[in-house]
Amino acid sequence: MEDGKPQFDSSAGRQVAAFWRKLYAEKLAPQEAYPGDSLNDGKAAMATVGPWALAAYKNSVDIGVAPVPTADGGSDKHSFSDEKSAAMFSSCKNRATAWDVLKFASSAGQDGKFLETTGQMPMREHLTEKYAGYFKAHPTYKAFADQAERVVEVPNVPGSIDIWQTFRDEWTKSVVFGRESTRAGLRNASSEITDLLNEYGDPS
């Protein structure tokens, strides 16, 4: 969003929509949600997953890791972090102790134990350098660590649930199923979301 208006109906946005429309049209991406595990059931050769998948599939699927497909084949793209945060309430009676606990829990050492135990990427810069031993022993996880260097947060704007649903509806209609052109889908979504932003108030 910029100046109270969505920015996805642009040349870059239209390129993305056209690219994914081609994937769906050529049946290289599923149009419907599969009621099960499509990889384990042999219904898909690729899935968009996090590092949890390496442990989940290690005994059933010969899994490898590759970046999400893009029009230019580049691997330097950004993705959402789904970051989680910890907070201390202002009503906390033992703030110094609570602060010590928070500092300990989010320290580099504890992040390393978190990585070792779960295979999930801590939100910390230069993961492959800080935890070189782990990635040497688990090289398949390195792709996820590299991607963790390029994350963004979901924009927090008023009416976000309605906005994302509006975009999703038009994307599904135009890009996934081709019931209208991708340009019309983006244009319609942009118009409807602009109206929603005006209704909820300018987020800027």
N, C-alpha and C. Protein backbone atom coordinates (compact mmCIF):
# COMPACT_ATOMS: atom_id res chain seq x y z
N MET A 1 0.84 -1.19 0.00
CA MET A 1 0.00 0.00 0.00
C MET A 1 0.89 1.25 0.00
N GLU A 2 0.47 2.23 -0.76
CA GLU A 2 1.20 3.50 -0.80
C GLU A 2 0.21 4.61 -1.09
N ASP A 3 0.24 5.65 -0.27
CA ASP A 3 -0.69 6.76 -0.40
C ASP A 3 -2.14 6.28 -0.40
N GLY A 4 -2.41 5.27 0.43
CA GLY A 4 -3.77 4.78 0.56
C GLY A 4 -4.26 3.94 -0.60
N LYS A 5 -3.35 3.49 -1.47
CA LYS A 5 -3.77 2.70 -2.63
C LYS A 5 -2.89 1.45 -2.77
N PRO A 6 -3.49 0.33 -3.22
CA PRO A 6 -2.69 -0.87 -3.46
C PRO A 6 -1.79 -0.69 -4.67
N GLN A 7 -0.65 -1.35 -4.66
CA GLN A 7 0.35 -1.16 -5.71
C GLN A 7 0.58 -2.40 -6.57
N PHE A 8 -0.25 -3.44 -6.40
CA PHE A 8 0.03 -4.68 -7.12
C PHE A 8 -0.42 -4.67 -8.58
N ASP A 9 -1.33 -3.74 -8.95
CA ASP A 9 -1.75 -3.66 -10.35
C ASP A 9 -0.73 -2.81 -11.11
N SER A 10 0.44 -3.41 -11.30
CA SER A 10 1.58 -2.74 -11.93
C SER A 10 2.20 -3.70 -12.92
N SER A 11 3.22 -3.26 -13.62
CA SER A 11 3.86 -4.15 -14.59
C SER A 11 4.44 -5.38 -13.90
N ALA A 12 5.04 -5.18 -12.71
CA ALA A 12 5.60 -6.32 -11.97
C ALA A 12 4.47 -7.25 -11.51
N GLY A 13 3.39 -6.68 -10.99
CA GLY A 13 2.27 -7.49 -10.54
C GLY A 13 1.63 -8.26 -11.67
N ARG A 14 1.49 -7.62 -12.83
CA ARG A 14 0.89 -8.28 -13.99
C ARG A 14 1.79 -9.42 -14.49
N GLN A 15 3.11 -9.22 -14.40
CA GLN A 15 4.03 -10.29 -14.80
C GLN A 15 3.88 -11.50 -13.88
N VAL A 16 3.77 -11.25 -12.58
CA VAL A 16 3.60 -12.35 -11.62
C VAL A 16 2.30 -13.09 -11.90
N ALA A 17 1.21 -12.34 -12.09
CA ALA A 17 -0.09 -12.97 -12.33
C ALA A 17 -0.06 -13.81 -13.61
N ALA A 18 0.53 -13.28 -14.67
CA ALA A 18 0.60 -14.02 -15.94
C ALA A 18 1.44 -15.27 -15.80
N PHE A 19 2.54 -15.17 -15.06
CA PHE A 19 3.42 -16.32 -14.85
C PHE A 19 2.68 -17.45 -14.13
N TRP A 20 1.97 -17.10 -13.03
CA TRP A 20 1.26 -18.13 -12.27
C TRP A 20 0.03 -18.63 -13.01
N ARG A 21 -0.59 -17.78 -13.82
CA ARG A 21 -1.71 -18.26 -14.64
C ARG A 21 -1.23 -19.36 -15.59
N LYS A 22 -0.04 -19.19 -16.14
CA LYS A 22 0.52 -20.21 -17.04
C LYS A 22 0.77 -21.51 -16.29
N LEU A 23 1.30 -21.42 -15.06
CA LEU A 23 1.54 -22.63 -14.27
C LEU A 23 0.24 -23.39 -14.02
N TYR A 24 -0.81 -22.63 -13.66
CA TYR A 24 -2.10 -23.29 -13.41
C TYR A 24 -2.71 -23.83 -14.70
N ALA A 25 -2.64 -23.08 -15.79
CA ALA A 25 -3.23 -23.50 -17.06
C ALA A 25 -2.57 -24.77 -17.58
N GLU A 26 -1.27 -24.91 -17.35
CA GLU A 26 -0.54 -26.09 -17.82
C GLU A 26 -0.52 -27.21 -16.79
N LYS A 27 -1.33 -27.04 -15.74
CA LYS A 27 -1.47 -28.06 -14.68
C LYS A 27 -0.16 -28.35 -13.97
N LEU A 28 0.70 -27.34 -13.89
CA LEU A 28 1.95 -27.47 -13.15
C LEU A 28 1.77 -27.06 -11.69
N ALA A 29 0.63 -26.49 -11.37
CA ALA A 29 0.26 -26.15 -9.99
C ALA A 29 -1.20 -26.55 -9.82
N PRO A 30 -1.56 -27.13 -8.67
CA PRO A 30 -2.94 -27.61 -8.48
C PRO A 30 -3.92 -26.45 -8.29
N GLN A 31 -5.08 -26.56 -8.93
CA GLN A 31 -6.10 -25.52 -8.80
C GLN A 31 -6.97 -25.72 -7.56
N GLU A 32 -7.04 -26.93 -7.09
CA GLU A 32 -7.87 -27.23 -5.92
C GLU A 32 -6.98 -27.75 -4.79
N ALA A 33 -7.39 -27.49 -3.56
CA ALA A 33 -6.67 -28.03 -2.41
C ALA A 33 -6.84 -29.55 -2.39
N TYR A 34 -5.75 -30.27 -2.20
CA TYR A 34 -5.81 -31.73 -2.16
C TYR A 34 -6.15 -32.18 -0.74
N PRO A 35 -7.13 -33.07 -0.58
CA PRO A 35 -7.55 -33.48 0.77
C PRO A 35 -6.63 -34.54 1.38
N GLY A 36 -5.39 -34.20 1.53
CA GLY A 36 -4.43 -35.14 2.06
C GLY A 36 -3.04 -34.58 1.87
N ASP A 37 -2.04 -35.44 1.88
CA ASP A 37 -0.66 -35.05 1.69
C ASP A 37 -0.27 -35.36 0.25
N SER A 38 -0.28 -34.34 -0.60
CA SER A 38 -0.08 -34.57 -2.03
C SER A 38 1.30 -35.14 -2.36
N LEU A 39 2.33 -34.78 -1.59
CA LEU A 39 3.67 -35.33 -1.84
C LEU A 39 3.72 -36.81 -1.46
N ASN A 40 3.28 -37.13 -0.26
CA ASN A 40 3.31 -38.52 0.19
C ASN A 40 2.45 -39.42 -0.68
N ASP A 41 1.35 -38.86 -1.19
CA ASP A 41 0.42 -39.66 -1.99
C ASP A 41 0.81 -39.69 -3.47
N GLY A 42 1.92 -39.06 -3.83
CA GLY A 42 2.37 -39.10 -5.21
C GLY A 42 1.52 -38.29 -6.16
N LYS A 43 0.80 -37.30 -5.65
CA LYS A 43 -0.06 -36.46 -6.48
C LYS A 43 0.62 -35.16 -6.91
N ALA A 44 1.76 -34.85 -6.30
CA ALA A 44 2.49 -33.63 -6.63
C ALA A 44 3.98 -33.91 -6.55
N ALA A 45 4.71 -33.21 -7.39
CA ALA A 45 6.17 -33.35 -7.37
C ALA A 45 6.83 -32.23 -6.59
N MET A 46 6.04 -31.23 -6.20
CA MET A 46 6.61 -30.05 -5.54
C MET A 46 5.57 -29.46 -4.59
N ALA A 47 6.02 -28.92 -3.48
CA ALA A 47 5.13 -28.25 -2.54
C ALA A 47 5.86 -27.07 -1.94
N THR A 48 5.11 -26.03 -1.60
CA THR A 48 5.70 -24.88 -0.92
C THR A 48 5.69 -25.18 0.57
N VAL A 49 6.86 -25.34 1.15
CA VAL A 49 6.98 -25.81 2.53
C VAL A 49 8.05 -25.02 3.28
N GLY A 50 8.10 -25.24 4.56
CA GLY A 50 9.16 -24.71 5.40
C GLY A 50 10.12 -25.82 5.77
N PRO A 51 11.11 -25.52 6.60
CA PRO A 51 12.11 -26.54 6.96
C PRO A 51 11.54 -27.74 7.71
N TRP A 52 10.34 -27.57 8.30
CA TRP A 52 9.69 -28.70 8.98
C TRP A 52 9.50 -29.89 8.05
N ALA A 53 9.38 -29.62 6.74
CA ALA A 53 9.09 -30.69 5.78
C ALA A 53 10.22 -31.70 5.69
N LEU A 54 11.46 -31.27 5.94
CA LEU A 54 12.59 -32.19 5.80
C LEU A 54 12.48 -33.34 6.79
N ALA A 55 12.07 -33.03 8.01
CA ALA A 55 11.88 -34.09 9.00
C ALA A 55 10.60 -34.87 8.73
N ALA A 56 9.56 -34.18 8.29
CA ALA A 56 8.27 -34.83 8.06
C ALA A 56 8.33 -35.86 6.95
N TYR A 57 9.16 -35.61 5.91
CA TYR A 57 9.19 -36.49 4.75
C TYR A 57 10.41 -37.40 4.68
N LYS A 58 11.30 -37.31 5.68
CA LYS A 58 12.59 -37.98 5.53
C LYS A 58 12.47 -39.50 5.36
N ASN A 59 11.40 -40.10 5.89
CA ASN A 59 11.26 -41.55 5.78
C ASN A 59 10.32 -41.97 4.66
N SER A 60 9.77 -41.01 3.92
CA SER A 60 8.77 -41.38 2.91
C SER A 60 9.02 -40.77 1.53
N VAL A 61 9.70 -39.63 1.45
CA VAL A 61 9.90 -38.95 0.17
C VAL A 61 11.37 -38.56 0.04
N ASP A 62 11.93 -38.83 -1.13
CA ASP A 62 13.30 -38.40 -1.40
C ASP A 62 13.23 -36.92 -1.75
N ILE A 63 13.37 -36.07 -0.74
CA ILE A 63 13.07 -34.65 -0.89
C ILE A 63 14.33 -33.83 -1.12
N GLY A 64 14.20 -32.83 -1.96
CA GLY A 64 15.24 -31.84 -2.17
C GLY A 64 14.63 -30.47 -2.02
N VAL A 65 15.44 -29.45 -2.03
CA VAL A 65 14.95 -28.09 -1.80
C VAL A 65 15.35 -27.20 -2.97
N ALA A 66 14.39 -26.41 -3.45
CA ALA A 66 14.64 -25.45 -4.54
C ALA A 66 13.82 -24.21 -4.27
N PRO A 67 14.22 -23.07 -4.79
CA PRO A 67 13.42 -21.85 -4.61
C PRO A 67 12.07 -21.98 -5.30
N VAL A 68 11.09 -21.21 -4.86
CA VAL A 68 9.80 -21.15 -5.52
C VAL A 68 10.01 -20.66 -6.95
N PRO A 69 9.33 -21.25 -7.94
CA PRO A 69 9.53 -20.83 -9.34
C PRO A 69 9.22 -19.35 -9.56
N THR A 70 10.05 -18.71 -10.36
CA THR A 70 9.83 -17.32 -10.73
C THR A 70 10.05 -17.18 -12.23
N ALA A 71 9.54 -16.09 -12.79
CA ALA A 71 9.63 -15.89 -14.23
C ALA A 71 11.07 -15.84 -14.71
N ASP A 72 11.96 -15.23 -13.92
CA ASP A 72 13.36 -15.10 -14.35
C ASP A 72 14.26 -16.17 -13.77
N GLY A 73 13.69 -17.08 -13.01
CA GLY A 73 14.48 -18.17 -12.44
C GLY A 73 15.39 -17.74 -11.31
N GLY A 74 15.25 -16.49 -10.86
CA GLY A 74 16.12 -16.00 -9.79
C GLY A 74 15.77 -16.59 -8.44
N SER A 75 16.75 -16.69 -7.57
CA SER A 75 16.54 -17.26 -6.23
C SER A 75 16.72 -16.21 -5.14
N ASP A 76 16.75 -14.93 -5.54
CA ASP A 76 17.01 -13.87 -4.57
C ASP A 76 15.71 -13.16 -4.17
N LYS A 77 14.61 -13.89 -4.14
CA LYS A 77 13.31 -13.30 -3.86
C LYS A 77 13.01 -13.26 -2.37
N HIS A 78 12.09 -12.39 -2.00
CA HIS A 78 11.70 -12.27 -0.60
C HIS A 78 10.44 -13.08 -0.31
N SER A 79 10.28 -13.48 0.93
CA SER A 79 9.07 -14.18 1.36
C SER A 79 8.69 -13.69 2.75
N PHE A 80 7.47 -14.03 3.16
CA PHE A 80 7.00 -13.61 4.48
C PHE A 80 7.66 -14.46 5.56
N SER A 81 7.98 -13.85 6.67
CA SER A 81 8.71 -14.55 7.72
C SER A 81 7.81 -15.34 8.65
N ASP A 82 6.57 -14.93 8.82
CA ASP A 82 5.68 -15.52 9.84
C ASP A 82 6.37 -15.45 11.21
N GLU A 83 7.01 -14.33 11.46
CA GLU A 83 7.79 -14.15 12.68
C GLU A 83 6.89 -14.10 13.92
N LYS A 84 7.38 -14.66 15.00
CA LYS A 84 6.68 -14.63 16.28
C LYS A 84 7.47 -13.74 17.24
N SER A 85 6.77 -13.07 18.12
CA SER A 85 7.42 -12.14 19.05
C SER A 85 7.09 -12.50 20.49
N ALA A 86 7.94 -12.04 21.38
CA ALA A 86 7.70 -12.18 22.83
C ALA A 86 7.54 -10.78 23.40
N ALA A 87 6.71 -10.66 24.42
CA ALA A 87 6.47 -9.33 25.01
C ALA A 87 6.38 -9.45 26.53
N MET A 88 6.68 -8.35 27.17
CA MET A 88 6.54 -8.28 28.63
C MET A 88 5.46 -7.25 28.94
N PHE A 89 4.47 -7.65 29.70
CA PHE A 89 3.37 -6.75 30.03
C PHE A 89 3.83 -5.62 30.96
N SER A 90 3.25 -4.46 30.79
CA SER A 90 3.60 -3.33 31.64
C SER A 90 3.19 -3.58 33.10
N SER A 91 2.26 -4.51 33.31
CA SER A 91 1.81 -4.83 34.67
C SER A 91 2.71 -5.85 35.36
N CYS A 92 3.75 -6.29 34.66
CA CYS A 92 4.66 -7.29 35.22
C CYS A 92 5.28 -6.76 36.53
N LYS A 93 5.24 -7.57 37.58
CA LYS A 93 5.74 -7.12 38.90
C LYS A 93 7.24 -7.33 39.05
N ASN A 94 7.81 -8.21 38.26
CA ASN A 94 9.25 -8.50 38.37
C ASN A 94 9.92 -8.28 37.02
N ARG A 95 9.94 -7.02 36.62
CA ARG A 95 10.39 -6.71 35.26
C ARG A 95 11.85 -7.06 35.02
N ALA A 96 12.70 -6.82 35.98
CA ALA A 96 14.13 -7.12 35.79
C ALA A 96 14.34 -8.61 35.56
N THR A 97 13.65 -9.42 36.35
CA THR A 97 13.77 -10.88 36.19
C THR A 97 13.18 -11.31 34.85
N ALA A 98 12.02 -10.77 34.53
CA ALA A 98 11.38 -11.12 33.25
C ALA A 98 12.28 -10.72 32.08
N TRP A 99 12.91 -9.56 32.19
CA TRP A 99 13.80 -9.10 31.12
C TRP A 99 14.99 -10.03 30.98
N ASP A 100 15.54 -10.48 32.11
CA ASP A 100 16.66 -11.43 32.06
C ASP A 100 16.23 -12.74 31.37
N VAL A 101 15.02 -13.19 31.67
CA VAL A 101 14.52 -14.42 31.04
C VAL A 101 14.37 -14.23 29.53
N LEU A 102 13.80 -13.09 29.13
CA LEU A 102 13.62 -12.81 27.70
C LEU A 102 14.97 -12.74 26.98
N LYS A 103 15.94 -12.06 27.60
CA LYS A 103 17.27 -11.97 26.97
C LYS A 103 17.90 -13.35 26.83
N PHE A 104 17.76 -14.18 27.87
CA PHE A 104 18.32 -15.53 27.82
C PHE A 104 17.62 -16.35 26.74
N ALA A 105 16.28 -16.29 26.71
CA ALA A 105 15.51 -17.12 25.78
C ALA A 105 15.77 -16.76 24.31
N SER A 106 16.14 -15.50 24.08
CA SER A 106 16.37 -15.06 22.70
C SER A 106 17.85 -14.88 22.38
N SER A 107 18.71 -15.43 23.20
CA SER A 107 20.16 -15.30 22.98
C SER A 107 20.62 -16.17 21.82
N ALA A 108 21.81 -15.90 21.34
CA ALA A 108 22.37 -16.67 20.23
C ALA A 108 22.50 -18.15 20.60
N GLY A 109 22.88 -18.41 21.86
CA GLY A 109 23.01 -19.79 22.31
C GLY A 109 21.70 -20.54 22.30
N GLN A 110 20.65 -19.89 22.80
CA GLN A 110 19.34 -20.53 22.82
C GLN A 110 18.76 -20.67 21.41
N ASP A 111 19.03 -19.68 20.55
CA ASP A 111 18.59 -19.80 19.16
C ASP A 111 19.25 -21.01 18.50
N GLY A 112 20.52 -21.25 18.84
CA GLY A 112 21.21 -22.42 18.31
C GLY A 112 20.56 -23.71 18.77
N LYS A 113 20.16 -23.76 20.04
CA LYS A 113 19.48 -24.96 20.55
C LYS A 113 18.11 -25.13 19.90
N PHE A 114 17.43 -24.00 19.66
CA PHE A 114 16.15 -24.03 18.97
C PHE A 114 16.32 -24.61 17.56
N LEU A 115 17.36 -24.18 16.86
CA LEU A 115 17.65 -24.68 15.52
C LEU A 115 17.96 -26.17 15.56
N GLU A 116 18.81 -26.57 16.50
CA GLU A 116 19.19 -27.99 16.62
C GLU A 116 17.99 -28.87 16.92
N THR A 117 17.10 -28.39 17.78
CA THR A 117 15.97 -29.20 18.24
C THR A 117 14.86 -29.28 17.21
N THR A 118 14.58 -28.17 16.52
CA THR A 118 13.40 -28.10 15.66
C THR A 118 13.70 -28.05 14.17
N GLY A 119 14.89 -27.60 13.78
CA GLY A 119 15.18 -27.39 12.37
C GLY A 119 14.54 -26.13 11.82
N GLN A 120 13.89 -25.35 12.68
CA GLN A 120 13.29 -24.08 12.29
C GLN A 120 14.34 -22.98 12.35
N MET A 121 14.20 -21.99 11.47
CA MET A 121 15.20 -20.94 11.39
C MET A 121 14.92 -19.82 12.39
N PRO A 122 15.86 -19.52 13.28
CA PRO A 122 15.71 -18.35 14.15
C PRO A 122 15.75 -17.07 13.30
N MET A 123 15.02 -16.07 13.73
CA MET A 123 15.04 -14.79 13.01
C MET A 123 16.27 -14.00 13.46
N ARG A 124 17.39 -14.37 12.87
CA ARG A 124 18.69 -13.80 13.25
C ARG A 124 19.52 -13.67 11.98
N GLU A 125 20.30 -12.60 11.88
CA GLU A 125 21.10 -12.39 10.68
C GLU A 125 22.26 -13.38 10.60
N HIS A 126 22.66 -13.67 9.37
CA HIS A 126 23.85 -14.47 9.08
C HIS A 126 23.81 -15.84 9.76
N LEU A 127 22.70 -16.55 9.58
CA LEU A 127 22.53 -17.84 10.23
C LEU A 127 23.61 -18.84 9.85
N THR A 128 23.94 -18.89 8.55
CA THR A 128 24.89 -19.91 8.11
C THR A 128 26.28 -19.67 8.68
N GLU A 129 26.59 -18.43 9.02
CA GLU A 129 27.88 -18.14 9.64
C GLU A 129 27.84 -18.41 11.14
N LYS A 130 26.75 -17.99 11.79
CA LYS A 130 26.66 -18.16 13.25
C LYS A 130 26.56 -19.62 13.65
N TYR A 131 25.88 -20.42 12.82
CA TYR A 131 25.66 -21.83 13.16
C TYR A 131 26.23 -22.73 12.06
N ALA A 132 27.47 -22.42 11.70
CA ALA A 132 28.12 -23.12 10.58
C ALA A 132 28.17 -24.63 10.81
N GLY A 133 28.39 -25.06 12.04
CA GLY A 133 28.46 -26.48 12.35
C GLY A 133 27.16 -27.20 12.04
N TYR A 134 26.06 -26.56 12.37
CA TYR A 134 24.76 -27.17 12.12
C TYR A 134 24.53 -27.35 10.62
N PHE A 135 24.81 -26.31 9.85
CA PHE A 135 24.54 -26.38 8.42
C PHE A 135 25.53 -27.27 7.67
N LYS A 136 26.71 -27.45 8.25
CA LYS A 136 27.65 -28.41 7.67
C LYS A 136 27.12 -29.83 7.86
N ALA A 137 26.52 -30.07 9.03
CA ALA A 137 25.96 -31.39 9.31
C ALA A 137 24.60 -31.61 8.65
N HIS A 138 23.89 -30.51 8.35
CA HIS A 138 22.55 -30.60 7.76
C HIS A 138 22.48 -29.67 6.54
N PRO A 139 23.19 -30.00 5.47
CA PRO A 139 23.29 -29.06 4.34
C PRO A 139 21.96 -28.75 3.64
N THR A 140 20.99 -29.65 3.70
CA THR A 140 19.71 -29.40 3.03
C THR A 140 18.98 -28.22 3.66
N TYR A 141 19.26 -27.96 4.92
CA TYR A 141 18.59 -26.86 5.61
C TYR A 141 19.15 -25.49 5.22
N LYS A 142 20.30 -25.49 4.56
CA LYS A 142 20.96 -24.21 4.26
C LYS A 142 20.11 -23.32 3.37
N ALA A 143 19.34 -23.91 2.46
CA ALA A 143 18.49 -23.10 1.57
C ALA A 143 17.49 -22.29 2.36
N PHE A 144 16.98 -22.86 3.45
CA PHE A 144 16.02 -22.14 4.29
C PHE A 144 16.71 -21.03 5.07
N ALA A 145 17.95 -21.28 5.48
CA ALA A 145 18.71 -20.24 6.18
C ALA A 145 19.01 -19.08 5.24
N ASP A 146 19.35 -19.40 3.99
CA ASP A 146 19.61 -18.35 3.00
C ASP A 146 18.35 -17.51 2.77
N GLN A 147 17.20 -18.18 2.69
CA GLN A 147 15.94 -17.46 2.47
C GLN A 147 15.58 -16.60 3.68
N ALA A 148 15.96 -17.05 4.87
CA ALA A 148 15.67 -16.28 6.09
C ALA A 148 16.36 -14.92 6.09
N GLU A 149 17.36 -14.76 5.24
CA GLU A 149 18.03 -13.46 5.11
C GLU A 149 17.19 -12.48 4.28
N ARG A 150 16.16 -12.99 3.60
CA ARG A 150 15.35 -12.16 2.71
C ARG A 150 13.87 -12.33 3.06
N VAL A 151 13.48 -11.78 4.20
CA VAL A 151 12.09 -11.89 4.62
C VAL A 151 11.49 -10.51 4.82
N VAL A 152 10.19 -10.43 4.64
CA VAL A 152 9.43 -9.21 4.90
C VAL A 152 8.23 -9.59 5.75
N GLU A 153 7.60 -8.60 6.36
CA GLU A 153 6.42 -8.86 7.17
C GLU A 153 5.16 -8.52 6.39
N VAL A 154 4.08 -9.20 6.70
CA VAL A 154 2.79 -8.90 6.09
C VAL A 154 2.40 -7.47 6.47
N PRO A 155 2.03 -6.63 5.49
CA PRO A 155 1.65 -5.25 5.83
C PRO A 155 0.48 -5.22 6.81
N ASN A 156 0.60 -4.40 7.81
CA ASN A 156 -0.45 -4.28 8.82
C ASN A 156 -1.26 -3.02 8.52
N VAL A 157 -2.42 -3.20 7.91
CA VAL A 157 -3.27 -2.07 7.53
C VAL A 157 -4.67 -2.30 8.06
N PRO A 158 -5.44 -1.24 8.27
CA PRO A 158 -6.83 -1.40 8.73
C PRO A 158 -7.64 -2.21 7.71
N GLY A 159 -8.47 -3.12 8.21
CA GLY A 159 -9.30 -3.93 7.33
C GLY A 159 -8.53 -5.00 6.58
N SER A 160 -7.38 -5.41 7.12
CA SER A 160 -6.50 -6.31 6.37
C SER A 160 -7.18 -7.64 6.01
N ILE A 161 -8.02 -8.17 6.89
CA ILE A 161 -8.67 -9.46 6.59
C ILE A 161 -9.55 -9.33 5.35
N ASP A 162 -10.35 -8.26 5.29
CA ASP A 162 -11.20 -8.03 4.11
C ASP A 162 -10.37 -7.77 2.87
N ILE A 163 -9.27 -7.05 3.04
CA ILE A 163 -8.40 -6.73 1.91
C ILE A 163 -7.77 -7.99 1.33
N TRP A 164 -7.22 -8.85 2.20
CA TRP A 164 -6.58 -10.08 1.70
C TRP A 164 -7.62 -11.00 1.05
N GLN A 165 -8.84 -11.04 1.63
CA GLN A 165 -9.87 -11.91 1.05
C GLN A 165 -10.30 -11.40 -0.32
N THR A 166 -10.41 -10.09 -0.47
CA THR A 166 -10.77 -9.51 -1.76
C THR A 166 -9.72 -9.85 -2.81
N PHE A 167 -8.46 -9.69 -2.44
CA PHE A 167 -7.38 -10.04 -3.37
C PHE A 167 -7.43 -11.52 -3.71
N ARG A 168 -7.61 -12.35 -2.68
CA ARG A 168 -7.63 -13.80 -2.88
C ARG A 168 -8.77 -14.21 -3.83
N ASP A 169 -9.94 -13.61 -3.66
CA ASP A 169 -11.08 -13.95 -4.51
C ASP A 169 -10.78 -13.64 -5.98
N GLU A 170 -10.24 -12.45 -6.24
CA GLU A 170 -9.94 -12.08 -7.63
C GLU A 170 -8.79 -12.90 -8.20
N TRP A 171 -7.79 -13.20 -7.36
CA TRP A 171 -6.66 -14.02 -7.79
C TRP A 171 -7.15 -15.42 -8.17
N THR A 172 -8.01 -16.00 -7.34
CA THR A 172 -8.54 -17.33 -7.61
C THR A 172 -9.32 -17.35 -8.92
N LYS A 173 -10.16 -16.34 -9.12
CA LYS A 173 -10.99 -16.28 -10.32
C LYS A 173 -10.16 -16.11 -11.59
N SER A 174 -9.19 -15.21 -11.55
CA SER A 174 -8.44 -14.88 -12.76
C SER A 174 -7.19 -15.72 -12.96
N VAL A 175 -6.38 -15.85 -11.92
CA VAL A 175 -5.09 -16.53 -12.06
C VAL A 175 -5.23 -18.04 -11.94
N VAL A 176 -5.95 -18.51 -10.92
CA VAL A 176 -6.03 -19.95 -10.69
C VAL A 176 -6.93 -20.62 -11.72
N PHE A 177 -8.14 -20.05 -11.96
CA PHE A 177 -9.11 -20.72 -12.83
C PHE A 177 -9.29 -20.06 -14.19
N GLY A 178 -8.74 -18.87 -14.41
CA GLY A 178 -8.82 -18.25 -15.72
C GLY A 178 -10.22 -17.86 -16.14
N ARG A 179 -11.09 -17.54 -15.19
CA ARG A 179 -12.48 -17.16 -15.52
C ARG A 179 -12.58 -15.72 -16.01
N GLU A 180 -11.50 -14.97 -15.82
CA GLU A 180 -11.37 -13.63 -16.40
C GLU A 180 -9.88 -13.41 -16.62
N SER A 181 -9.51 -12.39 -17.35
CA SER A 181 -8.09 -12.16 -17.61
C SER A 181 -7.38 -11.77 -16.32
N THR A 182 -6.08 -12.05 -16.28
CA THR A 182 -5.32 -11.70 -15.08
C THR A 182 -5.28 -10.18 -14.90
N ARG A 183 -5.25 -9.44 -15.99
CA ARG A 183 -5.24 -7.97 -15.88
C ARG A 183 -6.55 -7.47 -15.29
N ALA A 184 -7.67 -8.10 -15.72
CA ALA A 184 -8.97 -7.71 -15.16
C ALA A 184 -9.03 -8.06 -13.68
N GLY A 185 -8.48 -9.21 -13.31
CA GLY A 185 -8.48 -9.62 -11.91
C GLY A 185 -7.73 -8.64 -11.02
N LEU A 186 -6.55 -8.24 -11.46
CA LEU A 186 -5.76 -7.27 -10.68
C LEU A 186 -6.44 -5.91 -10.64
N ARG A 187 -7.00 -5.50 -11.77
CA ARG A 187 -7.69 -4.21 -11.83
C ARG A 187 -8.91 -4.19 -10.90
N ASN A 188 -9.70 -5.27 -10.94
CA ASN A 188 -10.88 -5.35 -10.09
C ASN A 188 -10.50 -5.37 -8.61
N ALA A 189 -9.46 -6.17 -8.28
CA ALA A 189 -9.02 -6.24 -6.89
C ALA A 189 -8.51 -4.89 -6.41
N SER A 190 -7.75 -4.20 -7.26
CA SER A 190 -7.22 -2.90 -6.89
C SER A 190 -8.34 -1.91 -6.61
N SER A 191 -9.37 -1.91 -7.48
CA SER A 191 -10.50 -1.00 -7.30
C SER A 191 -11.27 -1.30 -6.02
N GLU A 192 -11.55 -2.59 -5.80
CA GLU A 192 -12.32 -2.97 -4.62
C GLU A 192 -11.54 -2.68 -3.34
N ILE A 193 -10.24 -2.92 -3.36
CA ILE A 193 -9.42 -2.70 -2.17
C ILE A 193 -9.27 -1.21 -1.90
N THR A 194 -9.18 -0.41 -2.95
CA THR A 194 -9.13 1.04 -2.76
C THR A 194 -10.39 1.52 -2.06
N ASP A 195 -11.53 0.97 -2.46
CA ASP A 195 -12.79 1.31 -1.79
C ASP A 195 -12.76 0.89 -0.32
N LEU A 196 -12.22 -0.28 -0.05
CA LEU A 196 -12.13 -0.75 1.34
C LEU A 196 -11.22 0.16 2.16
N LEU A 197 -10.08 0.55 1.57
CA LEU A 197 -9.16 1.44 2.27
C LEU A 197 -9.82 2.77 2.59
N ASN A 198 -10.61 3.28 1.67
CA ASN A 198 -11.33 4.53 1.93
C ASN A 198 -12.35 4.33 3.05
N GLU A 199 -12.95 3.16 3.09
CA GLU A 199 -13.94 2.85 4.12
C GLU A 199 -13.29 2.75 5.50
N TYR A 200 -12.13 2.09 5.54
CA TYR A 200 -11.45 1.87 6.82
C TYR A 200 -10.56 3.05 7.23
N GLY A 201 -10.25 3.90 6.27
CA GLY A 201 -9.38 5.03 6.57
C GLY A 201 -8.00 4.81 5.98
N ASP A 202 -7.38 5.88 5.57
CA ASP A 202 -6.05 5.85 4.95
C ASP A 202 -5.04 5.30 5.94
N PRO A 203 -4.40 4.11 5.63
CA PRO A 203 -3.44 3.50 6.57
C PRO A 203 -2.19 4.34 6.79
N SER A 204 -1.91 5.28 5.88
CA SER A 204 -0.71 6.09 6.05
C SER A 204 -0.98 7.23 7.03
